[in-house]
């Protein structure tokens, strides 16, 4: 049950906590939905080993600028586009086992 909250009461408390934080910071559901849609429309193009990412919009982030100034080609951090499986391809498909399920 990774990523799921089994206890209904814990889930309810979490929802209350999230709604309070949203009210505290003035975040509306519309703004939240717009932010999620923006992330879906502009996925990250660059990512480092620490999980920092950048979608290529706006100013280059400090972590990527520092790497570039140190002589590392920004293309090193480029995320490869996901390959669509070839239609009609036969054979075994190997998948990494999830050790945490």
PDB file of N, CA and C in Angstrom:
ATOM      1  N   UNK A   1       0.827  -1.190   0.000  1.00  0.00           N
ATOM      2  CA  UNK A   1       0.000   0.000   0.000  1.00  0.00           C
ATOM      3  C   UNK A   1       0.865   1.245   0.000  1.00  0.00           C
ATOM      4  N   UNK A   2       1.842   1.264  -0.849  1.00  0.00           N
ATOM      5  CA  UNK A   2       2.718   2.417  -0.956  1.00  0.00           C
ATOM      6  C   UNK A   2       1.941   3.600  -1.501  1.00  0.00           C
ATOM      7  N   UNK A   3       2.102   4.764  -0.860  1.00  0.00           N
ATOM      8  CA  UNK A   3       1.473   5.977  -1.346  1.00  0.00           C
ATOM      9  C   UNK A   3       0.008   6.101  -0.983  1.00  0.00           C
ATOM     10  N   UNK A   4      -0.501   5.196  -0.178  1.00  0.00           N
ATOM     11  CA  UNK A   4      -1.900   5.250   0.221  1.00  0.00           C
ATOM     12  C   UNK A   4      -1.993   5.367   1.738  1.00  0.00           C
ATOM     13  N   UNK A   5      -2.988   6.089   2.191  1.00  0.00           N
ATOM     14  CA  UNK A   5      -3.230   6.209   3.624  1.00  0.00           C
ATOM     15  C   UNK A   5      -4.387   5.279   3.942  1.00  0.00           C
ATOM     16  N   UNK A   6      -4.116   4.226   4.727  1.00  0.00           N
ATOM     17  CA  UNK A   6      -5.112   3.214   5.004  1.00  0.00           C
ATOM     18  C   UNK A   6      -6.164   3.703   5.997  1.00  0.00           C
ATOM     19  N   UNK A   7      -5.733   4.433   6.983  1.00  0.00           N
ATOM     20  CA  UNK A   7      -6.619   4.874   8.048  1.00  0.00           C
ATOM     21  C   UNK A   7      -7.461   6.052   7.570  1.00  0.00           C
ATOM     22  N   UNK A   8      -8.767   5.899   7.536  1.00  0.00           N
ATOM     23  CA  UNK A   8      -9.663   6.963   7.086  1.00  0.00           C
ATOM     24  C   UNK A   8      -9.527   8.224   7.915  1.00  0.00           C
ATOM     25  N   UNK A   9      -9.341   8.070   9.231  1.00  0.00           N
ATOM     26  CA  UNK A   9      -9.200   9.237  10.106  1.00  0.00           C
ATOM     27  C   UNK A   9      -7.909   9.995   9.794  1.00  0.00           C
ATOM     28  N   UNK A  10      -6.818   9.280   9.520  1.00  0.00           N
ATOM     29  CA  UNK A  10      -5.551   9.929   9.172  1.00  0.00           C
ATOM     30  C   UNK A  10      -5.700  10.689   7.865  1.00  0.00           C
ATOM     31  N   UNK A  11      -6.419  10.115   6.919  1.00  0.00           N
ATOM     32  CA  UNK A  11      -6.662  10.788   5.635  1.00  0.00           C
ATOM     33  C   UNK A  11      -7.458  12.069   5.851  1.00  0.00           C
ATOM     34  N   UNK A  12      -8.491  12.000   6.661  1.00  0.00           N
ATOM     35  CA  UNK A  12      -9.304  13.184   6.947  1.00  0.00           C
ATOM     36  C   UNK A  12      -8.479  14.280   7.612  1.00  0.00           C
ATOM     37  N   UNK A  13      -7.619  13.892   8.551  1.00  0.00           N
ATOM     38  CA  UNK A  13      -6.757  14.881   9.229  1.00  0.00           C
ATOM     39  C   UNK A  13      -5.792  15.516   8.239  1.00  0.00           C
ATOM     40  N   UNK A  14      -5.277  14.721   7.321  1.00  0.00           N
ATOM     41  CA  UNK A  14      -4.359  15.244   6.307  1.00  0.00           C
ATOM     42  C   UNK A  14      -5.063  16.247   5.409  1.00  0.00           C
ATOM     43  N   UNK A  15      -6.279  15.942   5.003  1.00  0.00           N
ATOM     44  CA  UNK A  15      -7.048  16.866   4.158  1.00  0.00           C
ATOM     45  C   UNK A  15      -7.293  18.177   4.893  1.00  0.00           C
ATOM     46  N   UNK A  16      -7.640  18.103   6.158  1.00  0.00           N
ATOM     47  CA  UNK A  16      -7.853  19.321   6.956  1.00  0.00           C
ATOM     48  C   UNK A  16      -6.565  20.123   7.021  1.00  0.00           C
ATOM     49  N   UNK A  17      -5.438  19.448   7.251  1.00  0.00           N
ATOM     50  CA  UNK A  17      -4.146  20.132   7.348  1.00  0.00           C
ATOM     51  C   UNK A  17      -3.815  20.826   6.031  1.00  0.00           C
ATOM     52  N   UNK A  18      -4.035  20.137   4.910  1.00  0.00           N
ATOM     53  CA  UNK A  18      -3.739  20.723   3.591  1.00  0.00           C
ATOM     54  C   UNK A  18      -4.620  21.943   3.341  1.00  0.00           C
ATOM     55  N   UNK A  19      -5.901  21.828   3.655  1.00  0.00           N
ATOM     56  CA  UNK A  19      -6.810  22.965   3.449  1.00  0.00           C
ATOM     57  C   UNK A  19      -6.409  24.160   4.309  1.00  0.00           C
ATOM     58  N   UNK A  20      -5.970  23.912   5.533  1.00  0.00           N
ATOM     59  CA  UNK A  20      -5.522  25.012   6.401  1.00  0.00           C
ATOM     60  C   UNK A  20      -4.273  25.677   5.834  1.00  0.00           C
ATOM     61  N   UNK A  21      -3.323  24.891   5.333  1.00  0.00           N
ATOM     62  CA  UNK A  21      -2.106  25.468   4.740  1.00  0.00           C
ATOM     63  C   UNK A  21      -2.457  26.264   3.493  1.00  0.00           C
ATOM     64  N   UNK A  22      -3.379  25.760   2.703  1.00  0.00           N
ATOM     65  CA  UNK A  22      -3.801  26.493   1.506  1.00  0.00           C
ATOM     66  C   UNK A  22      -4.420  27.828   1.895  1.00  0.00           C
ATOM     67  N   UNK A  23      -5.266  27.827   2.918  1.00  0.00           N
ATOM     68  CA  UNK A  23      -5.889  29.077   3.388  1.00  0.00           C
ATOM     69  C   UNK A  23      -4.832  30.013   3.961  1.00  0.00           C
ATOM     70  N   UNK A  24      -3.885  29.456   4.698  1.00  0.00           N
ATOM     71  CA  UNK A  24      -2.817  30.253   5.314  1.00  0.00           C
ATOM     72  C   UNK A  24      -1.996  30.987   4.259  1.00  0.00           C
ATOM     73  N   UNK A  25      -1.741  30.335   3.134  1.00  0.00           N
ATOM     74  CA  UNK A  25      -0.911  30.933   2.096  1.00  0.00           C
ATOM     75  C   UNK A  25      -1.717  31.520   0.944  1.00  0.00           C
ATOM     76  N   UNK A  26      -3.038  31.501   1.065  1.00  0.00           N
ATOM     77  CA  UNK A  26      -3.883  32.095   0.038  1.00  0.00           C
ATOM     78  C   UNK A  26      -3.900  31.328  -1.270  1.00  0.00           C
ATOM     79  N   UNK A  27      -3.793  30.021  -1.192  1.00  0.00           N
ATOM     80  CA  UNK A  27      -3.789  29.188  -2.392  1.00  0.00           C
ATOM     81  C   UNK A  27      -5.213  28.712  -2.650  1.00  0.00           C
ATOM     82  N   UNK A  28      -5.729  29.008  -3.832  1.00  0.00           N
ATOM     83  CA  UNK A  28      -7.071  28.566  -4.201  1.00  0.00           C
ATOM     84  C   UNK A  28      -6.976  27.238  -4.951  1.00  0.00           C
ATOM     85  N   UNK A  29      -8.108  26.541  -5.019  1.00  0.00           N
ATOM     86  CA  UNK A  29      -8.139  25.287  -5.767  1.00  0.00           C
ATOM     87  C   UNK A  29      -7.879  25.539  -7.249  1.00  0.00           C
ATOM     88  N   UNK A  30      -8.339  26.688  -7.739  1.00  0.00           N
ATOM     89  CA  UNK A  30      -8.107  27.029  -9.142  1.00  0.00           C
ATOM     90  C   UNK A  30      -6.622  27.240  -9.410  1.00  0.00           C
ATOM     91  N   UNK A  31      -5.939  27.927  -8.477  1.00  0.00           N
ATOM     92  CA  UNK A  31      -4.500  28.152  -8.631  1.00  0.00           C
ATOM     93  C   UNK A  31      -3.737  26.835  -8.554  1.00  0.00           C
ATOM     94  N   UNK A  32      -4.180  25.953  -7.681  1.00  0.00           N
ATOM     95  CA  UNK A  32      -3.551  24.643  -7.559  1.00  0.00           C
ATOM     96  C   UNK A  32      -3.728  23.836  -8.839  1.00  0.00           C
ATOM     97  N   UNK A  33      -4.944  23.848  -9.384  1.00  0.00           N
ATOM     98  CA  UNK A  33      -5.213  23.125 -10.628  1.00  0.00           C
ATOM     99  C   UNK A  33      -4.400  23.706 -11.782  1.00  0.00           C
ATOM    100  N   UNK A  34      -4.294  25.043 -11.837  1.00  0.00           N
ATOM    101  CA  UNK A  34      -3.511  25.684 -12.899  1.00  0.00           C
ATOM    102  C   UNK A  34      -2.036  25.316 -12.782  1.00  0.00           C
ATOM    103  N   UNK A  35      -1.529  25.251 -11.554  1.00  0.00           N
ATOM    104  CA  UNK A  35      -0.130  24.883 -11.338  1.00  0.00           C
ATOM    105  C   UNK A  35       0.139  23.446 -11.768  1.00  0.00           C
ATOM    106  N   UNK A  36      -0.773  22.562 -11.428  1.00  0.00           N
ATOM    107  CA  UNK A  36      -0.632  21.156 -11.832  1.00  0.00           C
ATOM    108  C   UNK A  36      -0.672  21.045 -13.354  1.00  0.00           C
ATOM    109  N   UNK A  37      -1.590  21.777 -13.993  1.00  0.00           N
ATOM    110  CA  UNK A  37      -1.684  21.732 -15.455  1.00  0.00           C
ATOM    111  C   UNK A  37      -0.415  22.275 -16.105  1.00  0.00           C
ATOM    112  N   UNK A  38       0.154  23.346 -15.525  1.00  0.00           N
ATOM    113  CA  UNK A  38       1.399  23.918 -16.055  1.00  0.00           C
ATOM    114  C   UNK A  38       2.522  22.882 -15.979  1.00  0.00           C
ATOM    115  N   UNK A  39       2.594  22.156 -14.869  1.00  0.00           N
ATOM    116  CA  UNK A  39       3.624  21.122 -14.722  1.00  0.00           C
ATOM    117  C   UNK A  39       3.433  20.008 -15.758  1.00  0.00           C
ATOM    118  N   UNK A  40       2.188  19.667 -16.027  1.00  0.00           N
ATOM    119  CA  UNK A  40       1.924  18.625 -17.026  1.00  0.00           C
ATOM    120  C   UNK A  40       2.260  19.104 -18.437  1.00  0.00           C
ATOM    121  N   UNK A  41       1.988  20.391 -18.710  1.00  0.00           N
ATOM    122  CA  UNK A  41       2.253  20.946 -20.034  1.00  0.00           C
ATOM    123  C   UNK A  41       3.733  21.224 -20.281  1.00  0.00           C
ATOM    124  N   UNK A  42       4.504  21.425 -19.215  1.00  0.00           N
ATOM    125  CA  UNK A  42       5.927  21.753 -19.327  1.00  0.00           C
ATOM    126  C   UNK A  42       6.743  20.828 -18.421  1.00  0.00           C
ATOM    127  N   UNK A  43       6.903  19.559 -18.812  1.00  0.00           N
ATOM    128  CA  UNK A  43       7.667  18.626 -17.980  1.00  0.00           C
ATOM    129  C   UNK A  43       9.138  19.023 -17.924  1.00  0.00           C
ATOM    130  N   UNK A  44       9.857  18.565 -16.899  1.00  0.00           N
ATOM    131  CA  UNK A  44      11.271  18.919 -16.790  1.00  0.00           C
ATOM    132  C   UNK A  44      12.094  18.379 -17.955  1.00  0.00           C
ATOM    133  N   UNK A  45      13.073  19.189 -18.372  1.00  0.00           N
ATOM    134  CA  UNK A  45      13.972  18.789 -19.453  1.00  0.00           C
ATOM    135  C   UNK A  45      15.356  18.423 -18.929  1.00  0.00           C
ATOM    136  N   UNK A  46      15.708  18.952 -17.747  1.00  0.00           N
ATOM    137  CA  UNK A  46      17.024  18.724 -17.151  1.00  0.00           C
ATOM    138  C   UNK A  46      16.836  18.285 -15.707  1.00  0.00           C
ATOM    139  N   UNK A  47      17.687  17.343 -15.240  1.00  0.00           N
ATOM    140  CA  UNK A  47      17.622  16.891 -13.848  1.00  0.00           C
ATOM    141  C   UNK A  47      19.014  16.488 -13.393  1.00  0.00           C
ATOM    142  N   UNK A  48      19.346  16.859 -12.155  1.00  0.00           N
ATOM    143  CA  UNK A  48      20.635  16.447 -11.597  1.00  0.00           C
ATOM    144  C   UNK A  48      20.441  15.263 -10.649  1.00  0.00           C
ATOM    145  N   UNK A  49      21.525  14.781 -10.087  1.00  0.00           N
ATOM    146  CA  UNK A  49      21.486  13.603  -9.224  1.00  0.00           C
ATOM    147  C   UNK A  49      20.734  13.852  -7.926  1.00  0.00           C
ATOM    148  N   UNK A  50      20.604  15.098  -7.521  1.00  0.00           N
ATOM    149  CA  UNK A  50      19.886  15.419  -6.283  1.00  0.00           C
ATOM    150  C   UNK A  50      18.387  15.558  -6.504  1.00  0.00           C
ATOM    151  N   UNK A  51      17.945  15.460  -7.750  1.00  0.00           N
ATOM    152  CA  UNK A  51      16.526  15.571  -8.044  1.00  0.00           C
ATOM    153  C   UNK A  51      16.079  16.966  -8.430  1.00  0.00           C
ATOM    154  N   UNK A  52      17.012  17.929  -8.466  1.00  0.00           N
ATOM    155  CA  UNK A  52      16.665  19.264  -8.946  1.00  0.00           C
ATOM    156  C   UNK A  52      16.348  19.153 -10.432  1.00  0.00           C
ATOM    157  N   UNK A  53      15.290  19.838 -10.858  1.00  0.00           N
ATOM    158  CA  UNK A  53      14.994  19.791 -12.280  1.00  0.00           C
ATOM    159  C   UNK A  53      14.622  21.177 -12.792  1.00  0.00           C
ATOM    160  N   UNK A  54      14.595  21.284 -14.128  1.00  0.00           N
ATOM    161  CA  UNK A  54      14.282  22.547 -14.793  1.00  0.00           C
ATOM    162  C   UNK A  54      13.595  22.212 -16.099  1.00  0.00           C
ATOM    163  N   UNK A  55      12.523  22.945 -16.378  1.00  0.00           N
ATOM    164  CA  UNK A  55      11.760  22.683 -17.594  1.00  0.00           C
ATOM    165  C   UNK A  55      12.208  23.532 -18.776  1.00  0.00           C
ATOM    166  N   UNK A  56      13.263  24.302 -18.612  1.00  0.00           N
ATOM    167  CA  UNK A  56      13.792  25.108 -19.705  1.00  0.00           C
ATOM    168  C   UNK A  56      13.150  26.473 -19.821  1.00  0.00           C
ATOM    169  N   UNK A  57      12.152  26.761 -18.994  1.00  0.00           N
ATOM    170  CA  UNK A  57      11.494  28.063 -19.030  1.00  0.00           C
ATOM    171  C   UNK A  57      12.115  28.982 -17.989  1.00  0.00           C
ATOM    172  N   UNK A  58      12.229  30.228 -18.326  1.00  0.00           N
ATOM    173  CA  UNK A  58      12.763  31.193 -17.370  1.00  0.00           C
ATOM    174  C   UNK A  58      14.278  31.115 -17.263  1.00  0.00           C
ATOM    175  N   UNK A  59      14.771  31.730 -16.213  1.00  0.00           N
ATOM    176  CA  UNK A  59      16.215  31.797 -15.987  1.00  0.00           C
ATOM    177  C   UNK A  59      16.778  30.432 -15.587  1.00  0.00           C
ATOM    178  N   UNK A  60      17.980  30.131 -16.069  1.00  0.00           N
ATOM    179  CA  UNK A  60      18.634  28.872 -15.735  1.00  0.00           C
ATOM    180  C   UNK A  60      18.852  28.807 -14.219  1.00  0.00           C
ATOM    181  N   UNK A  61      18.499  27.691 -13.583  1.00  0.00           N
ATOM    182  CA  UNK A  61      18.653  27.587 -12.124  1.00  0.00           C
ATOM    183  C   UNK A  61      20.126  27.546 -11.711  1.00  0.00           C
ATOM    184  N   UNK A  62      20.362  27.892 -10.460  1.00  0.00           N
ATOM    185  CA  UNK A  62      21.730  27.967  -9.934  1.00  0.00           C
ATOM    186  C   UNK A  62      22.490  26.652 -10.085  1.00  0.00           C
ATOM    187  N   UNK A  63      21.834  25.520  -9.818  1.00  0.00           N
ATOM    188  CA  UNK A  63      22.545  24.240  -9.878  1.00  0.00           C
ATOM    189  C   UNK A  63      23.047  23.949 -11.282  1.00  0.00           C
ATOM    190  N   UNK A  64      22.264  24.317 -12.305  1.00  0.00           N
ATOM    191  CA  UNK A  64      22.688  24.070 -13.678  1.00  0.00           C
ATOM    192  C   UNK A  64      23.715  25.096 -14.129  1.00  0.00           C
ATOM    193  N   UNK A  65      23.549  26.325 -13.692  1.00  0.00           N
ATOM    194  CA  UNK A  65      24.518  27.377 -14.031  1.00  0.00           C
ATOM    195  C   UNK A  65      25.882  27.057 -13.414  1.00  0.00           C
ATOM    196  N   UNK A  66      25.880  26.581 -12.163  1.00  0.00           N
ATOM    197  CA  UNK A  66      27.144  26.228 -11.497  1.00  0.00           C
ATOM    198  C   UNK A  66      27.843  25.087 -12.234  1.00  0.00           C
ATOM    199  N   UNK A  67      27.064  24.089 -12.659  1.00  0.00           N
ATOM    200  CA  UNK A  67      27.659  22.978 -13.405  1.00  0.00           C
ATOM    201  C   UNK A  67      28.225  23.461 -14.733  1.00  0.00           C
ATOM    202  N   UNK A  68      27.496  24.340 -15.399  1.00  0.00           N
ATOM    203  CA  UNK A  68      27.964  24.879 -16.685  1.00  0.00           C
ATOM    204  C   UNK A  68      29.241  25.679 -16.490  1.00  0.00           C
ATOM    205  N   UNK A  69      29.289  26.502 -15.444  1.00  0.00           N
ATOM    206  CA  UNK A  69      30.492  27.291 -15.159  1.00  0.00           C
ATOM    207  C   UNK A  69      31.676  26.412 -14.781  1.00  0.00           C
ATOM    208  N   UNK A  70      31.392  25.204 -14.281  1.00  0.00           N
ATOM    209  CA  UNK A  70      32.463  24.265 -13.933  1.00  0.00           C
ATOM    210  C   UNK A  70      32.921  23.456 -15.136  1.00  0.00           C
ATOM    211  N   UNK A  71      32.310  23.723 -16.297  1.00  0.00           N
ATOM    212  CA  UNK A  71      32.739  23.060 -17.519  1.00  0.00           C
ATOM    213  C   UNK A  71      31.905  21.859 -17.922  1.00  0.00           C
ATOM    214  N   UNK A  72      30.796  21.610 -17.213  1.00  0.00           N
ATOM    215  CA  UNK A  72      29.942  20.478 -17.559  1.00  0.00           C
ATOM    216  C   UNK A  72      28.916  20.935 -18.597  1.00  0.00           C
ATOM    217  N   UNK A  73      28.807  20.182 -19.666  1.00  0.00           N
ATOM    218  CA  UNK A  73      27.839  20.501 -20.719  1.00  0.00           C
ATOM    219  C   UNK A  73      26.431  20.288 -20.156  1.00  0.00           C
ATOM    220  N   UNK A  74      25.542  21.289 -20.263  1.00  0.00           N
ATOM    221  CA  UNK A  74      24.177  21.113 -19.762  1.00  0.00           C
ATOM    222  C   UNK A  74      23.455  19.921 -20.388  1.00  0.00           C
ATOM    223  N   UNK A  75      23.865  19.504 -21.574  1.00  0.00           N
ATOM    224  CA  UNK A  75      23.248  18.337 -22.211  1.00  0.00           C
ATOM    225  C   UNK A  75      23.442  17.076 -21.375  1.00  0.00           C
ATOM    226  N   UNK A  76      24.449  17.059 -20.504  1.00  0.00           N
ATOM    227  CA  UNK A  76      24.686  15.923 -19.616  1.00  0.00           C
ATOM    228  C   UNK A  76      23.476  15.700 -18.710  1.00  0.00           C
ATOM    229  N   UNK A  77      22.780  16.771 -18.342  1.00  0.00           N
ATOM    230  CA  UNK A  77      21.646  16.701 -17.433  1.00  0.00           C
ATOM    231  C   UNK A  77      20.317  16.559 -18.161  1.00  0.00           C
ATOM    232  N   UNK A  78      20.356  16.522 -19.480  1.00  0.00           N
ATOM    233  CA  UNK A  78      19.130  16.451 -20.281  1.00  0.00           C
ATOM    234  C   UNK A  78      18.430  15.117 -20.041  1.00  0.00           C
ATOM    235  N   UNK A  79      17.143  15.176 -19.817  1.00  0.00           N
ATOM    236  CA  UNK A  79      16.342  13.974 -19.607  1.00  0.00           C
ATOM    237  C   UNK A  79      15.964  13.433 -20.980  1.00  0.00           C
ATOM    238  N   UNK A  80      16.240  12.168 -21.186  1.00  0.00           N
ATOM    239  CA  UNK A  80      15.915  11.549 -22.469  1.00  0.00           C
ATOM    240  C   UNK A  80      14.402  11.424 -22.597  1.00  0.00           C
ATOM    241  N   UNK A  81      13.868  11.726 -23.774  1.00  0.00           N
ATOM    242  CA  UNK A  81      12.423  11.557 -23.957  1.00  0.00           C
ATOM    243  C   UNK A  81      12.045  10.090 -23.839  1.00  0.00           C
ATOM    244  N   UNK A  82      10.850   9.831 -23.326  1.00  0.00           N
ATOM    245  CA  UNK A  82      10.401   8.452 -23.172  1.00  0.00           C
ATOM    246  C   UNK A  82      10.144   7.852 -24.541  1.00  0.00           C
ATOM    247  N   UNK A  83      10.654   6.663 -24.738  1.00  0.00           N
ATOM    248  CA  UNK A  83      10.485   5.956 -26.005  1.00  0.00           C
ATOM    249  C   UNK A  83       9.166   5.202 -25.985  1.00  0.00           C
ATOM    250  N   UNK A  84       8.394   5.362 -27.045  1.00  0.00           N
ATOM    251  CA  UNK A  84       7.157   4.608 -27.188  1.00  0.00           C
ATOM    252  C   UNK A  84       7.525   3.202 -27.664  1.00  0.00           C
ATOM    253  N   UNK A  85       6.890   2.171 -27.111  1.00  0.00           N
ATOM    254  CA  UNK A  85       7.196   0.813 -27.573  1.00  0.00           C
ATOM    255  C   UNK A  85       6.782   0.636 -29.022  1.00  0.00           C
ATOM    256  N   UNK A  86       7.586  -0.125 -29.737  1.00  0.00           N
ATOM    257  CA  UNK A  86       7.293  -0.377 -31.137  1.00  0.00           C
ATOM    258  C   UNK A  86       6.082  -1.294 -31.243  1.00  0.00           C
ATOM    259  N   UNK A  87       5.161  -0.959 -32.143  1.00  0.00           N
ATOM    260  CA  UNK A  87       3.984  -1.796 -32.333  1.00  0.00           C
ATOM    261  C   UNK A  87       4.383  -3.062 -33.076  1.00  0.00           C
ATOM    262  N   UNK A  88       3.800  -4.144 -32.656  1.00  0.00           N
ATOM    263  CA  UNK A  88       4.064  -5.406 -33.328  1.00  0.00           C
ATOM    264  C   UNK A  88       5.355  -6.062 -32.884  1.00  0.00           C
ATOM    265  N   UNK A  89       6.087  -5.468 -31.986  1.00  0.00           N
ATOM    266  CA  UNK A  89       7.344  -6.057 -31.523  1.00  0.00           C
ATOM    267  C   UNK A  89       7.036  -7.194 -30.569  1.00  0.00           C
ATOM    268  N   UNK A  90       7.674  -8.308 -30.803  1.00  0.00           N
ATOM    269  CA  UNK A  90       7.430  -9.476 -29.969  1.00  0.00           C
ATOM    270  C   UNK A  90       8.674  -9.794 -29.164  1.00  0.00           C
ATOM    271  N   UNK A  91       8.466 -10.546 -28.138  1.00  0.00           N
ATOM    272  CA  UNK A  91       9.585 -10.936 -27.305  1.00  0.00           C
ATOM    273  C   UNK A  91       9.323 -10.554 -25.864  1.00  0.00           C
ATOM    274  N   UNK A  92      10.281 -10.842 -25.030  1.00  0.00           N
ATOM    275  CA  UNK A  92      10.134 -10.568 -23.607  1.00  0.00           C
ATOM    276  C   UNK A  92      10.365  -9.099 -23.315  1.00  0.00           C
ATOM    277  N   UNK A  93       9.634  -8.612 -22.366  1.00  0.00           N
ATOM    278  CA  UNK A  93       9.823  -7.246 -21.895  1.00  0.00           C
ATOM    279  C   UNK A  93      10.360  -7.347 -20.474  1.00  0.00           C
ATOM    280  N   UNK A  94      11.558  -6.845 -20.271  1.00  0.00           N
ATOM    281  CA  UNK A  94      12.185  -6.921 -18.965  1.00  0.00           C
ATOM    282  C   UNK A  94      11.888  -5.658 -18.179  1.00  0.00           C
ATOM    283  N   UNK A  95      11.445  -5.841 -16.952  1.00  0.00           N
ATOM    284  CA  UNK A  95      11.077  -4.728 -16.088  1.00  0.00           C
ATOM    285  C   UNK A  95      11.795  -4.911 -14.767  1.00  0.00           C
ATOM    286  N   UNK A  96      12.308  -3.809 -14.223  1.00  0.00           N
ATOM    287  CA  UNK A  96      12.978  -3.867 -12.930  1.00  0.00           C
ATOM    288  C   UNK A  96      11.956  -4.192 -11.852  1.00  0.00           C
ATOM    289  N   UNK A  97      12.275  -5.132 -11.013  1.00  0.00           N
ATOM    290  CA  UNK A  97      11.359  -5.514  -9.934  1.00  0.00           C
ATOM    291  C   UNK A  97      11.303  -4.407  -8.892  1.00  0.00           C
ATOM    292  N   UNK A  98      10.120  -4.151  -8.405  1.00  0.00           N
ATOM    293  CA  UNK A  98       9.945  -3.146  -7.349  1.00  0.00           C
ATOM    294  C   UNK A  98      10.202  -3.844  -6.021  1.00  0.00           C
ATOM    295  N   UNK A  99      11.250  -3.464  -5.343  1.00  0.00           N
ATOM    296  CA  UNK A  99      11.651  -4.105  -4.101  1.00  0.00           C
ATOM    297  C   UNK A  99      10.845  -3.656  -2.896  1.00  0.00           C
ATOM    298  N   UNK A 100      10.014  -2.643  -3.071  1.00  0.00           N
ATOM    299  CA  UNK A 100       9.331  -2.074  -1.918  1.00  0.00           C
ATOM    300  C   UNK A 100       7.841  -2.386  -1.888  1.00  0.00           C
ATOM    301  N   UNK A 101       7.391  -3.273  -2.712  1.00  0.00           N
ATOM    302  CA  UNK A 101       5.965  -3.627  -2.673  1.00  0.00           C
ATOM    303  C   UNK A 101       5.734  -4.835  -1.820  1.00  0.00           C
TER     304      UNK A 101
END
